[in-house]
Amino acid sequence: MSFTAASLEKKFSELTSSQQSVQTLSFWLIHHRKHASDVVEVWRKDILKAHTSRMLTFVYLANDVLQNSKKKGSEYVNEFSLVLEEVFEELYRVSDGPMRQSLDRILKIWVDRAVLSQDLIATLQAISGQEAAEEPKKKKKRRPSSTASAGSVGVLSGVFSQPPVKVQTPEPDVLLRKLNELETATSDDDQIRLQIATLPDEVQIASFVDSLENVEEADALQHQVDDARKLLSSYNGRLDQEREQRQQAIAMLQAFIRDQSSQQEKVQVLFDEHRKRLDHVTDMQAHLRNHLDNLPDLTELPSFTAGLQPLPSAHDLFA
């Protein structure tokens, strides 16, 4: 469906709290991210006038769009950053206990995954009243690893629960090839994500089984469930392979950074050594120039041979 104001309003009005509904609309919005400004403005108006029971649904939608659109571009992050302060002030003003807890959880996700800028996160935390509780955790999360050989290695550590595989220092072109492979990773497969997001409710909600009236309906549902299981099993297998590839990439990056740090130390030693030599030569040059400047000008000395007769020749001496 092409993007129009009417189609956007219709999709927002049909949005439900189900995961399928949120993910399907999120995928459509990300596809039309060039209209991010219009989308976020309509989202802002709709969430502010929505009943409190629907407000969280709009927040879940924003959360899905923000997290899944960052790899595509910064359009939605930029636009949502302009309105989230106003929206969250209203949300926390009208929220009850359970709703406030849900908002706090989403805000924590945004903090942990650095979805928004630090300044905006701090503003939203102040609105929620959880700034004091969250600040120590944020500092702890950002503390570099004490066992890393370089700061960047510490940042790369701990991304996966399993320890990264130790590898030899890769050549730059090999490392670049490995990183380029991740540009087409399974997690970026929009087509399969759309298929999963649009799975029918019958295979996701267990209560549908109670509504089956005959064997034919049960068999049909069984086929749908089997197809969904195969789809998800295949996707999970591909995600597991991607996880291993990213572990390998992290290990390669760590080895490369360690090697570069070692090379940098060697180059620094050479730099310091030759800088001292350069300083010494520069001092010698200045000293030599000063010495030359203090030498007398020979052209200004008096002539010691002026007015003297020339020496006799050999002929004159022995004639």
C-alpha atoms as a PDB file:
ATOM      1  CA  MET A   1       0.000   0.000   0.000  1.00  0.00           C
ATOM      2  CA  SER A   2       1.359   3.410  -0.952  1.00  0.00           C
ATOM      3  CA  PHE A   3       1.783   6.078   1.699  1.00  0.00           C
ATOM      4  CA  THR A   4      -1.017   8.604   2.070  1.00  0.00           C
ATOM      5  CA  ALA A   5      -2.349  10.570   5.021  1.00  0.00           C
ATOM      6  CA  ALA A   6      -5.572   8.571   4.845  1.00  0.00           C
ATOM      7  CA  SER A   7      -3.789   5.212   4.799  1.00  0.00           C
ATOM      8  CA  LEU A   8      -1.652   6.274   7.761  1.00  0.00           C
ATOM      9  CA  GLU A   9      -4.688   7.322   9.797  1.00  0.00           C
ATOM     10  CA  LYS A  10      -6.425   4.062   8.916  1.00  0.00           C
ATOM     11  CA  LYS A  11      -3.474   1.936   9.986  1.00  0.00           C
ATOM     12  CA  PHE A  12      -3.156   3.814  13.276  1.00  0.00           C
ATOM     13  CA  SER A  13      -6.885   3.370  13.953  1.00  0.00           C
ATOM     14  CA  GLU A  14      -6.598  -0.379  13.292  1.00  0.00           C
ATOM     15  CA  LEU A  15      -3.520  -0.820  15.492  1.00  0.00           C
ATOM     16  CA  THR A  16      -3.969  -3.322  18.322  1.00  0.00           C
ATOM     17  CA  SER A  17      -1.734  -4.362  21.201  1.00  0.00           C
ATOM     18  CA  SER A  18      -0.889  -7.736  19.607  1.00  0.00           C
ATOM     19  CA  GLN A  19       2.722  -8.300  18.638  1.00  0.00           C
ATOM     20  CA  GLN A  20       1.706  -9.085  15.069  1.00  0.00           C
ATOM     21  CA  SER A  21      -0.219  -5.824  14.697  1.00  0.00           C
ATOM     22  CA  VAL A  22       2.629  -3.730  16.131  1.00  0.00           C
ATOM     23  CA  GLN A  23       5.356  -5.411  14.070  1.00  0.00           C
ATOM     24  CA  THR A  24       3.369  -5.317  10.834  1.00  0.00           C
ATOM     25  CA  LEU A  25       2.670  -1.591  11.139  1.00  0.00           C
ATOM     26  CA  SER A  26       6.258  -0.969  12.270  1.00  0.00           C
ATOM     27  CA  PHE A  27       7.589  -2.687   9.145  1.00  0.00           C
ATOM     28  CA  TRP A  28       5.292  -0.580   6.945  1.00  0.00           C
ATOM     29  CA  LEU A  29       6.356   2.649   8.657  1.00  0.00           C
ATOM     30  CA  ILE A  30      10.057   1.826   8.335  1.00  0.00           C
ATOM     31  CA  HIS A  31       9.528   1.078   4.651  1.00  0.00           C
ATOM     32  CA  HIS A  32       8.067   4.595   4.294  1.00  0.00           C
ATOM     33  CA  ARG A  33      10.686   6.243   6.529  1.00  0.00           C
ATOM     34  CA  LYS A  34      11.069   9.171   4.125  1.00  0.00           C
ATOM     35  CA  HIS A  35       7.697  10.295   5.541  1.00  0.00           C
ATOM     36  CA  ALA A  36       8.999  10.030   9.118  1.00  0.00           C
ATOM     37  CA  SER A  37       8.102  13.630   9.934  1.00  0.00           C
ATOM     38  CA  ASP A  38       4.434  13.155   8.980  1.00  0.00           C
ATOM     39  CA  VAL A  39       4.273   9.750  10.675  1.00  0.00           C
ATOM     40  CA  VAL A  40       5.634  10.998  14.002  1.00  0.00           C
ATOM     41  CA  GLU A  41       3.356  14.055  13.997  1.00  0.00           C
ATOM     42  CA  VAL A  42       0.268  11.868  13.500  1.00  0.00           C
ATOM     43  CA  TRP A  43       1.594   9.437  16.130  1.00  0.00           C
ATOM     44  CA  ARG A  44       2.025  12.331  18.597  1.00  0.00           C
ATOM     45  CA  LYS A  45      -1.510  13.602  18.061  1.00  0.00           C
ATOM     46  CA  ASP A  46      -3.063  10.133  18.266  1.00  0.00           C
ATOM     47  CA  ILE A  47      -1.236   9.053  21.430  1.00  0.00           C
ATOM     48  CA  LEU A  48      -2.038  12.288  23.261  1.00  0.00           C
ATOM     49  CA  LYS A  49      -5.755  11.981  22.533  1.00  0.00           C
ATOM     50  CA  ALA A  50      -5.911   8.184  22.971  1.00  0.00           C
ATOM     51  CA  HIS A  51      -7.492   6.442  25.913  1.00  0.00           C
ATOM     52  CA  THR A  52      -4.941   5.364  28.502  1.00  0.00           C
ATOM     53  CA  SER A  53      -5.563   1.720  27.550  1.00  0.00           C
ATOM     54  CA  ARG A  54      -4.247   2.434  24.033  1.00  0.00           C
ATOM     55  CA  MET A  55      -1.384   4.739  24.932  1.00  0.00           C
ATOM     56  CA  LEU A  56       0.990   1.851  25.660  1.00  0.00           C
ATOM     57  CA  THR A  57       0.231   0.319  22.268  1.00  0.00           C
ATOM     58  CA  PHE A  58       1.466   3.481  20.572  1.00  0.00           C
ATOM     59  CA  VAL A  59       4.591   3.418  22.776  1.00  0.00           C
ATOM     60  CA  TYR A  60       5.238  -0.211  21.794  1.00  0.00           C
ATOM     61  CA  LEU A  61       4.946   0.836  18.158  1.00  0.00           C
ATOM     62  CA  ALA A  62       7.415   3.695  18.627  1.00  0.00           C
ATOM     63  CA  ASN A  63       9.802   1.336  20.422  1.00  0.00           C
ATOM     64  CA  ASP A  64       9.709  -1.189  17.559  1.00  0.00           C
ATOM     65  CA  VAL A  65      10.176   1.504  14.922  1.00  0.00           C
ATOM     66  CA  LEU A  66      13.048   3.192  16.778  1.00  0.00           C
ATOM     67  CA  GLN A  67      15.013  -0.010  17.333  1.00  0.00           C
ATOM     68  CA  ASN A  68      14.492  -1.566  13.904  1.00  0.00           C
ATOM     69  CA  SER A  69      14.908   1.592  11.833  1.00  0.00           C
ATOM     70  CA  LYS A  70      18.331   2.637  13.135  1.00  0.00           C
ATOM     71  CA  LYS A  71      20.134   0.379  10.653  1.00  0.00           C
ATOM     72  CA  LYS A  72      18.155   1.936   7.809  1.00  0.00           C
ATOM     73  CA  GLY A  73      18.699   5.553   8.785  1.00  0.00           C
ATOM     74  CA  SER A  74      18.225   8.140  11.525  1.00  0.00           C
ATOM     75  CA  GLU A  75      14.961   9.635  10.241  1.00  0.00           C
ATOM     76  CA  TYR A  76      12.730   8.228  12.979  1.00  0.00           C
ATOM     77  CA  VAL A  77      15.248   8.769  15.778  1.00  0.00           C
ATOM     78  CA  ASN A  78      15.509  12.419  14.785  1.00  0.00           C
ATOM     79  CA  GLU A  79      11.743  12.943  14.544  1.00  0.00           C
ATOM     80  CA  PHE A  80      10.765  11.043  17.692  1.00  0.00           C
ATOM     81  CA  SER A  81      13.446  12.943  19.628  1.00  0.00           C
ATOM     82  CA  LEU A  82      11.477  16.127  18.991  1.00  0.00           C
ATOM     83  CA  VAL A  83       8.217  14.902  20.552  1.00  0.00           C
ATOM     84  CA  LEU A  84       9.056  12.239  23.149  1.00  0.00           C
ATOM     85  CA  GLU A  85       9.552  14.711  25.992  1.00  0.00           C
ATOM     86  CA  GLU A  86       6.062  16.160  25.524  1.00  0.00           C
ATOM     87  CA  VAL A  87       4.510  12.707  25.104  1.00  0.00           C
ATOM     88  CA  PHE A  88       6.229  11.152  28.120  1.00  0.00           C
ATOM     89  CA  GLU A  89       5.214  14.046  30.354  1.00  0.00           C
ATOM     90  CA  GLU A  90       1.579  13.301  29.493  1.00  0.00           C
ATOM     91  CA  LEU A  91       2.022   9.518  29.742  1.00  0.00           C
ATOM     92  CA  TYR A  92       3.490   9.670  33.245  1.00  0.00           C
ATOM     93  CA  ARG A  93       0.892  12.226  34.289  1.00  0.00           C
ATOM     94  CA  VAL A  94      -2.033   9.912  33.461  1.00  0.00           C
ATOM     95  CA  SER A  95      -0.357   6.534  34.100  1.00  0.00           C
ATOM     96  CA  ASP A  96      -1.267   4.139  36.863  1.00  0.00           C
ATOM     97  CA  GLY A  97       1.039   1.572  38.498  1.00  0.00           C
ATOM     98  CA  PRO A  98       1.121  -1.144  35.778  1.00  0.00           C
ATOM     99  CA  MET A  99       1.344   1.390  32.954  1.00  0.00           C
ATOM    100  CA  ARG A 100       4.147   3.239  34.719  1.00  0.00           C
ATOM    101  CA  GLN A 101       6.056  -0.027  35.140  1.00  0.00           C
ATOM    102  CA  SER A 102       5.706  -0.764  31.416  1.00  0.00           C
ATOM    103  CA  LEU A 103       6.956   2.714  30.547  1.00  0.00           C
ATOM    104  CA  ASP A 104       9.897   2.275  32.916  1.00  0.00           C
ATOM    105  CA  ARG A 105      10.802  -1.033  31.230  1.00  0.00           C
ATOM    106  CA  ILE A 106      10.760   0.549  27.774  1.00  0.00           C
ATOM    107  CA  LEU A 107      12.842   3.454  28.990  1.00  0.00           C
ATOM    108  CA  LYS A 108      15.363   1.020  30.472  1.00  0.00           C
ATOM    109  CA  ILE A 109      15.603  -0.756  27.111  1.00  0.00           C
ATOM    110  CA  TRP A 110      16.328   2.578  25.424  1.00  0.00           C
ATOM    111  CA  VAL A 111      19.034   3.263  27.994  1.00  0.00           C
ATOM    112  CA  ASP A 112      20.676  -0.173  27.700  1.00  0.00           C
ATOM    113  CA  ARG A 113      20.600  -0.186  23.895  1.00  0.00           C
ATOM    114  CA  ALA A 114      21.464   3.507  23.428  1.00  0.00           C
ATOM    115  CA  VAL A 115      18.411   4.023  21.233  1.00  0.00           C
ATOM    116  CA  LEU A 116      18.282   7.771  21.905  1.00  0.00           C
ATOM    117  CA  SER A 117      20.793  10.477  22.746  1.00  0.00           C
ATOM    118  CA  GLN A 118      22.083  10.680  26.317  1.00  0.00           C
ATOM    119  CA  ASP A 119      20.589  14.132  26.808  1.00  0.00           C
ATOM    120  CA  LEU A 120      17.109  12.988  25.796  1.00  0.00           C
ATOM    121  CA  ILE A 121      17.399   9.835  27.892  1.00  0.00           C
ATOM    122  CA  ALA A 122      18.333  11.958  30.912  1.00  0.00           C
ATOM    123  CA  THR A 123      15.300  14.185  30.283  1.00  0.00           C
ATOM    124  CA  LEU A 124      12.939  11.208  30.030  1.00  0.00           C
ATOM    125  CA  GLN A 125      14.441   9.661  33.158  1.00  0.00           C
ATOM    126  CA  ALA A 126      13.861  12.894  35.030  1.00  0.00           C
ATOM    127  CA  ILE A 127      10.225  12.858  33.892  1.00  0.00           C
ATOM    128  CA  SER A 128       9.813   9.251  35.025  1.00  0.00           C
ATOM    129  CA  GLY A 129      11.505   9.882  38.358  1.00  0.00           C
ATOM    130  CA  GLN A 130      13.946   6.993  37.888  1.00  0.00           C
ATOM    131  CA  GLU A 131      17.054   9.044  37.136  1.00  0.00           C
ATOM    132  CA  ALA A 132      18.692   8.391  40.500  1.00  0.00           C
ATOM    133  CA  ALA A 133      18.077   4.653  40.243  1.00  0.00           C
ATOM    134  CA  GLU A 134      19.299   4.336  36.676  1.00  0.00           C
ATOM    135  CA  GLU A 135      22.422   6.459  36.803  1.00  0.00           C
ATOM    136  CA  PRO A 136      24.692   4.003  38.678  1.00  0.00           C
ATOM    137  CA  LYS A 137      23.690   1.198  36.323  1.00  0.00           C
ATOM    138  CA  LYS A 138      24.491   3.310  33.304  1.00  0.00           C
ATOM    139  CA  LYS A 139      27.926   4.158  34.673  1.00  0.00           C
ATOM    140  CA  LYS A 140      28.604   0.539  35.489  1.00  0.00           C
ATOM    141  CA  LYS A 141      27.595  -0.517  32.000  1.00  0.00           C
ATOM    142  CA  ARG A 142      30.020   1.921  30.411  1.00  0.00           C
ATOM    143  CA  ARG A 143      33.001   1.026  32.536  1.00  0.00           C
ATOM    144  CA  PRO A 144      35.706  -0.440  30.268  1.00  0.00           C
ATOM    145  CA  SER A 145      37.036  -3.913  30.887  1.00  0.00           C
ATOM    146  CA  SER A 146      40.031  -3.878  33.221  1.00  0.00           C
ATOM    147  CA  THR A 147      41.577  -6.909  31.501  1.00  0.00           C
ATOM    148  CA  ALA A 148      41.467  -5.466  28.019  1.00  0.00           C
ATOM    149  CA  SER A 149      44.725  -4.412  26.423  1.00  0.00           C
ATOM    150  CA  ALA A 150      43.078  -1.335  24.915  1.00  0.00           C
ATOM    151  CA  GLY A 151      39.936   0.697  25.550  1.00  0.00           C
ATOM    152  CA  SER A 152      38.334  -0.380  22.304  1.00  0.00           C
ATOM    153  CA  VAL A 153      38.851  -4.034  23.147  1.00  0.00           C
ATOM    154  CA  GLY A 154      36.940  -3.494  26.373  1.00  0.00           C
ATOM    155  CA  VAL A 155      34.004  -2.084  24.441  1.00  0.00           C
ATOM    156  CA  LEU A 156      33.913  -5.167  22.257  1.00  0.00           C
ATOM    157  CA  SER A 157      34.083  -7.572  25.210  1.00  0.00           C
ATOM    158  CA  GLY A 158      31.005  -9.102  26.719  1.00  0.00           C
ATOM    159  CA  VAL A 159      28.696  -8.669  23.735  1.00  0.00           C
ATOM    160  CA  PHE A 160      27.956 -12.383  23.783  1.00  0.00           C
ATOM    161  CA  SER A 161      27.611 -14.586  26.818  1.00  0.00           C
ATOM    162  CA  GLN A 162      29.975 -17.148  25.288  1.00  0.00           C
ATOM    163  CA  PRO A 163      33.691 -16.267  25.221  1.00  0.00           C
ATOM    164  CA  PRO A 164      34.865 -15.202  21.770  1.00  0.00           C
ATOM    165  CA  VAL A 165      37.038 -17.593  19.795  1.00  0.00           C
ATOM    166  CA  LYS A 166      40.747 -16.794  19.901  1.00  0.00           C
ATOM    167  CA  VAL A 167      42.127 -16.122  16.445  1.00  0.00           C
ATOM    168  CA  GLN A 168      45.377 -14.971  14.924  1.00  0.00           C
ATOM    169  CA  THR A 169      45.704 -11.357  13.907  1.00  0.00           C
ATOM    170  CA  PRO A 170      43.848 -11.047  10.589  1.00  0.00           C
ATOM    171  CA  GLU A 171      45.091  -9.131   7.596  1.00  0.00           C
ATOM    172  CA  PRO A 172      43.130  -5.890   7.035  1.00  0.00           C
ATOM    173  CA  ASP A 173      41.515  -7.170   3.816  1.00  0.00           C
ATOM    174  CA  VAL A 174      40.400 -10.384   5.543  1.00  0.00           C
ATOM    175  CA  LEU A 175      38.877  -8.416   8.416  1.00  0.00           C
ATOM    176  CA  LEU A 176      37.153  -6.060   6.003  1.00  0.00           C
ATOM    177  CA  ARG A 177      35.697  -8.998   4.081  1.00  0.00           C
ATOM    178  CA  LYS A 178      34.349 -10.471   7.315  1.00  0.00           C
ATOM    179  CA  LEU A 179      32.694  -7.188   8.287  1.00  0.00           C
ATOM    180  CA  ASN A 180      31.212  -6.783   4.809  1.00  0.00           C
ATOM    181  CA  GLU A 181      29.579 -10.212   5.149  1.00  0.00           C
ATOM    182  CA  LEU A 182      27.650  -8.904   8.149  1.00  0.00           C
ATOM    183  CA  GLU A 183      26.150  -6.122   6.034  1.00  0.00           C
ATOM    184  CA  THR A 184      23.750  -8.750   4.618  1.00  0.00           C
ATOM    185  CA  ALA A 185      23.105 -10.480   7.937  1.00  0.00           C
ATOM    186  CA  THR A 186      19.997 -12.522   8.709  1.00  0.00           C
ATOM    187  CA  SER A 187      18.808  -9.982  11.275  1.00  0.00           C
ATOM    188  CA  ASP A 188      18.470  -7.462   8.428  1.00  0.00           C
ATOM    189  CA  ASP A 189      16.283  -9.763   6.305  1.00  0.00           C
ATOM    190  CA  ASP A 190      13.144  -7.621   6.083  1.00  0.00           C
ATOM    191  CA  GLN A 191      11.274 -10.187   4.013  1.00  0.00           C
ATOM    192  CA  ILE A 192      11.500 -12.989   6.572  1.00  0.00           C
ATOM    193  CA  ARG A 193      10.726 -10.546   9.387  1.00  0.00           C
ATOM    194  CA  LEU A 194       7.587  -9.508   7.551  1.00  0.00           C
ATOM    195  CA  GLN A 195       6.562 -13.150   7.102  1.00  0.00           C
ATOM    196  CA  ILE A 196       6.972 -13.766  10.822  1.00  0.00           C
ATOM    197  CA  ALA A 197       5.196 -10.527  11.727  1.00  0.00           C
ATOM    198  CA  THR A 198       2.212 -11.460   9.555  1.00  0.00           C
ATOM    199  CA  LEU A 199       1.737 -14.985  10.900  1.00  0.00           C
ATOM    200  CA  PRO A 200      -1.970 -15.517  11.586  1.00  0.00           C
ATOM    201  CA  ASP A 201      -3.281 -15.238  15.120  1.00  0.00           C
ATOM    202  CA  GLU A 202      -4.367 -18.878  14.943  1.00  0.00           C
ATOM    203  CA  VAL A 203      -0.756 -20.076  15.254  1.00  0.00           C
ATOM    204  CA  GLN A 204       0.202 -17.571  17.966  1.00  0.00           C
ATOM    205  CA  ILE A 205      -2.712 -17.603  20.390  1.00  0.00           C
ATOM    206  CA  ALA A 206      -3.263 -20.911  22.150  1.00  0.00           C
ATOM    207  CA  SER A 207      -6.899 -20.120  22.946  1.00  0.00           C
ATOM    208  CA  PHE A 208      -7.809 -20.607  19.279  1.00  0.00           C
ATOM    209  CA  VAL A 209      -7.541 -24.349  19.849  1.00  0.00           C
ATOM    210  CA  ASP A 210     -10.610 -24.209  22.092  1.00  0.00           C
ATOM    211  CA  SER A 211     -12.685 -22.837  19.224  1.00  0.00           C
ATOM    212  CA  LEU A 212     -12.004 -25.770  16.873  1.00  0.00           C
ATOM    213  CA  GLU A 213     -15.195 -27.649  16.067  1.00  0.00           C
ATOM    214  CA  ASN A 214     -14.072 -30.600  13.928  1.00  0.00           C
ATOM    215  CA  VAL A 215     -11.097 -32.634  12.772  1.00  0.00           C
ATOM    216  CA  GLU A 216     -10.817 -30.785   9.475  1.00  0.00           C
ATOM    217  CA  GLU A 217     -10.286 -27.468  11.260  1.00  0.00           C
ATOM    218  CA  ALA A 218      -7.766 -29.114  13.591  1.00  0.00           C
ATOM    219  CA  ASP A 219      -5.829 -30.577  10.643  1.00  0.00           C
ATOM    220  CA  ALA A 220      -5.797 -27.218   8.872  1.00  0.00           C
ATOM    221  CA  LEU A 221      -4.499 -25.509  12.000  1.00  0.00           C
ATOM    222  CA  GLN A 222      -1.908 -28.264  12.441  1.00  0.00           C
ATOM    223  CA  HIS A 223      -0.567 -27.549   8.932  1.00  0.00           C
ATOM    224  CA  GLN A 224      -0.391 -23.817   9.707  1.00  0.00           C
ATOM    225  CA  VAL A 225       1.448 -24.488  12.956  1.00  0.00           C
ATOM    226  CA  ASP A 226       3.893 -26.844  11.209  1.00  0.00           C
ATOM    227  CA  ASP A 227       4.620 -24.256   8.517  1.00  0.00           C
ATOM    228  CA  ALA A 228       5.139 -21.554  11.152  1.00  0.00           C
ATOM    229  CA  ARG A 229       7.419 -23.836  13.150  1.00  0.00           C
ATOM    230  CA  LYS A 230       9.538 -24.592  10.061  1.00  0.00           C
ATOM    231  CA  LEU A 231       9.749 -20.883   9.236  1.00  0.00           C
ATOM    232  CA  LEU A 232      10.789 -19.932  12.766  1.00  0.00           C
ATOM    233  CA  SER A 233      13.154 -22.884  13.120  1.00  0.00           C
ATOM    234  CA  SER A 234      14.912 -21.964   9.889  1.00  0.00           C
ATOM    235  CA  TYR A 235      15.142 -18.297  10.890  1.00  0.00           C
ATOM    236  CA  ASN A 236      16.446 -19.161  14.352  1.00  0.00           C
ATOM    237  CA  GLY A 237      19.078 -21.428  12.779  1.00  0.00           C
ATOM    238  CA  ARG A 238      20.214 -18.597  10.520  1.00  0.00           C
ATOM    239  CA  LEU A 239      20.278 -16.219  13.495  1.00  0.00           C
ATOM    240  CA  ASP A 240      22.443 -18.691  15.401  1.00  0.00           C
ATOM    241  CA  GLN A 241      24.869 -18.775  12.475  1.00  0.00           C
ATOM    242  CA  GLU A 242      24.913 -14.983  12.429  1.00  0.00           C
ATOM    243  CA  ARG A 243      25.602 -14.968  16.166  1.00  0.00           C
ATOM    244  CA  GLU A 244      28.630 -17.217  15.602  1.00  0.00           C
ATOM    245  CA  GLN A 245      29.801 -15.037  12.707  1.00  0.00           C
ATOM    246  CA  ARG A 246      29.563 -11.951  14.891  1.00  0.00           C
ATOM    247  CA  GLN A 247      31.522 -13.749  17.623  1.00  0.00           C
ATOM    248  CA  GLN A 248      34.229 -14.493  15.085  1.00  0.00           C
ATOM    249  CA  ALA A 249      34.174 -10.883  13.907  1.00  0.00           C
ATOM    250  CA  ILE A 250      34.533  -9.669  17.501  1.00  0.00           C
ATOM    251  CA  ALA A 251      37.464 -12.028  18.093  1.00  0.00           C
ATOM    252  CA  MET A 252      39.108 -10.827  14.873  1.00  0.00           C
ATOM    253  CA  LEU A 253      38.565  -7.191  15.835  1.00  0.00           C
ATOM    254  CA  GLN A 254      39.996  -7.785  19.302  1.00  0.00           C
ATOM    255  CA  ALA A 255      43.067  -9.495  17.848  1.00  0.00           C
ATOM    256  CA  PHE A 256      43.464  -6.736  15.255  1.00  0.00           C
ATOM    257  CA  ILE A 257      43.138  -3.980  17.866  1.00  0.00           C
ATOM    258  CA  ARG A 258      45.646  -5.702  20.159  1.00  0.00           C
ATOM    259  CA  ASP A 259      48.104  -6.004  17.276  1.00  0.00           C
ATOM    260  CA  GLN A 260      47.575  -2.383  16.288  1.00  0.00           C
ATOM    261  CA  SER A 261      48.087  -1.297  19.900  1.00  0.00           C
ATOM    262  CA  SER A 262      51.360  -3.228  19.986  1.00  0.00           C
ATOM    263  CA  GLN A 263      52.442  -1.720  16.675  1.00  0.00           C
ATOM    264  CA  GLN A 264      51.477   1.726  17.932  1.00  0.00           C
ATOM    265  CA  GLU A 265      53.689   1.306  20.987  1.00  0.00           C
ATOM    266  CA  LYS A 266      56.625   0.346  18.757  1.00  0.00           C
ATOM    267  CA  VAL A 267      56.023   3.281  16.445  1.00  0.00           C
ATOM    268  CA  GLN A 268      55.754   5.593  19.468  1.00  0.00           C
ATOM    269  CA  VAL A 269      59.169   4.416  20.688  1.00  0.00           C
ATOM    270  CA  LEU A 270      60.682   5.061  17.250  1.00  0.00           C
ATOM    271  CA  PHE A 271      58.938   8.419  17.069  1.00  0.00           C
ATOM    272  CA  ASP A 272      60.283   9.508  20.452  1.00  0.00           C
ATOM    273  CA  GLU A 273      63.791   8.321  19.569  1.00  0.00           C
ATOM    274  CA  HIS A 274      63.914  10.117  16.235  1.00  0.00           C
ATOM    275  CA  ARG A 275      62.226  13.181  17.672  1.00  0.00           C
ATOM    276  CA  LYS A 276      65.154  13.464  20.100  1.00  0.00           C
ATOM    277  CA  ARG A 277      67.563  13.117  17.193  1.00  0.00           C
ATOM    278  CA  LEU A 278      65.712  15.784  15.278  1.00  0.00           C
ATOM    279  CA  ASP A 279      65.839  18.091  18.310  1.00  0.00           C
ATOM    280  CA  HIS A 280      69.576  17.419  18.630  1.00  0.00           C
ATOM    281  CA  VAL A 281      70.211  18.173  14.951  1.00  0.00           C
ATOM    282  CA  THR A 282      68.072  21.308  15.210  1.00  0.00           C
ATOM    283  CA  ASP A 283      70.143  22.481  18.194  1.00  0.00           C
ATOM    284  CA  MET A 284      73.343  21.765  16.273  1.00  0.00           C
ATOM    285  CA  GLN A 285      72.037  23.727  13.316  1.00  0.00           C
ATOM    286  CA  ALA A 286      71.196  26.713  15.530  1.00  0.00           C
ATOM    287  CA  HIS A 287      74.588  26.489  17.251  1.00  0.00           C
ATOM    288  CA  LEU A 288      76.391  26.351  13.901  1.00  0.00           C
ATOM    289  CA  ARG A 289      74.400  29.277  12.550  1.00  0.00           C
ATOM    290  CA  ASN A 290      75.223  31.304  15.674  1.00  0.00           C
ATOM    291  CA  HIS A 291      78.897  30.417  15.344  1.00  0.00           C
ATOM    292  CA  LEU A 292      78.947  31.468  11.686  1.00  0.00           C
ATOM    293  CA  ASP A 293      77.251  34.740  12.539  1.00  0.00           C
ATOM    294  CA  ASN A 294      80.013  35.513  15.086  1.00  0.00           C
ATOM    295  CA  LEU A 295      82.922  34.874  12.701  1.00  0.00           C
ATOM    296  CA  PRO A 296      84.697  38.034  11.381  1.00  0.00           C
ATOM    297  CA  ASP A 297      83.956  39.249   7.875  1.00  0.00           C
ATOM    298  CA  LEU A 298      87.187  38.641   5.951  1.00  0.00           C
ATOM    299  CA  THR A 299      86.237  41.158   3.304  1.00  0.00           C
ATOM    300  CA  GLU A 300      86.477  43.942   5.893  1.00  0.00           C
ATOM    301  CA  LEU A 301      90.000  43.074   7.134  1.00  0.00           C
ATOM    302  CA  PRO A 302      92.887  45.437   6.080  1.00  0.00           C
ATOM    303  CA  SER A 303      95.183  44.280   3.249  1.00  0.00           C
ATOM    304  CA  PHE A 304      98.618  43.222   4.584  1.00  0.00           C
ATOM    305  CA  THR A 305     100.308  43.406   1.126  1.00  0.00           C
ATOM    306  CA  ALA A 306      99.240  46.915   0.193  1.00  0.00           C
ATOM    307  CA  GLY A 307     102.250  49.155  -0.849  1.00  0.00           C
ATOM    308  CA  LEU A 308     104.880  46.340  -0.764  1.00  0.00           C
ATOM    309  CA  GLN A 309     107.209  45.609  -3.649  1.00  0.00           C
ATOM    310  CA  PRO A 310     106.720  42.275  -5.338  1.00  0.00           C
ATOM    311  CA  LEU A 311     109.151  39.499  -4.439  1.00  0.00           C
ATOM    312  CA  PRO A 312     112.131  39.080  -6.770  1.00  0.00           C
ATOM    313  CA  SER A 313     111.954  36.381  -9.364  1.00  0.00           C
ATOM    314  CA  ALA A 314     114.394  33.473  -9.553  1.00  0.00           C
ATOM    315  CA  HIS A 315     116.172  35.149 -12.463  1.00  0.00           C
ATOM    316  CA  ASP A 316     116.752  38.295 -10.428  1.00  0.00           C
ATOM    317  CA  LEU A 317     118.118  36.263  -7.536  1.00  0.00           C
ATOM    318  CA  PHE A 318     120.667  34.268  -9.517  1.00  0.00           C
ATOM    319  CA  ALA A 319     121.597  36.721 -12.262  1.00  0.00           C
END
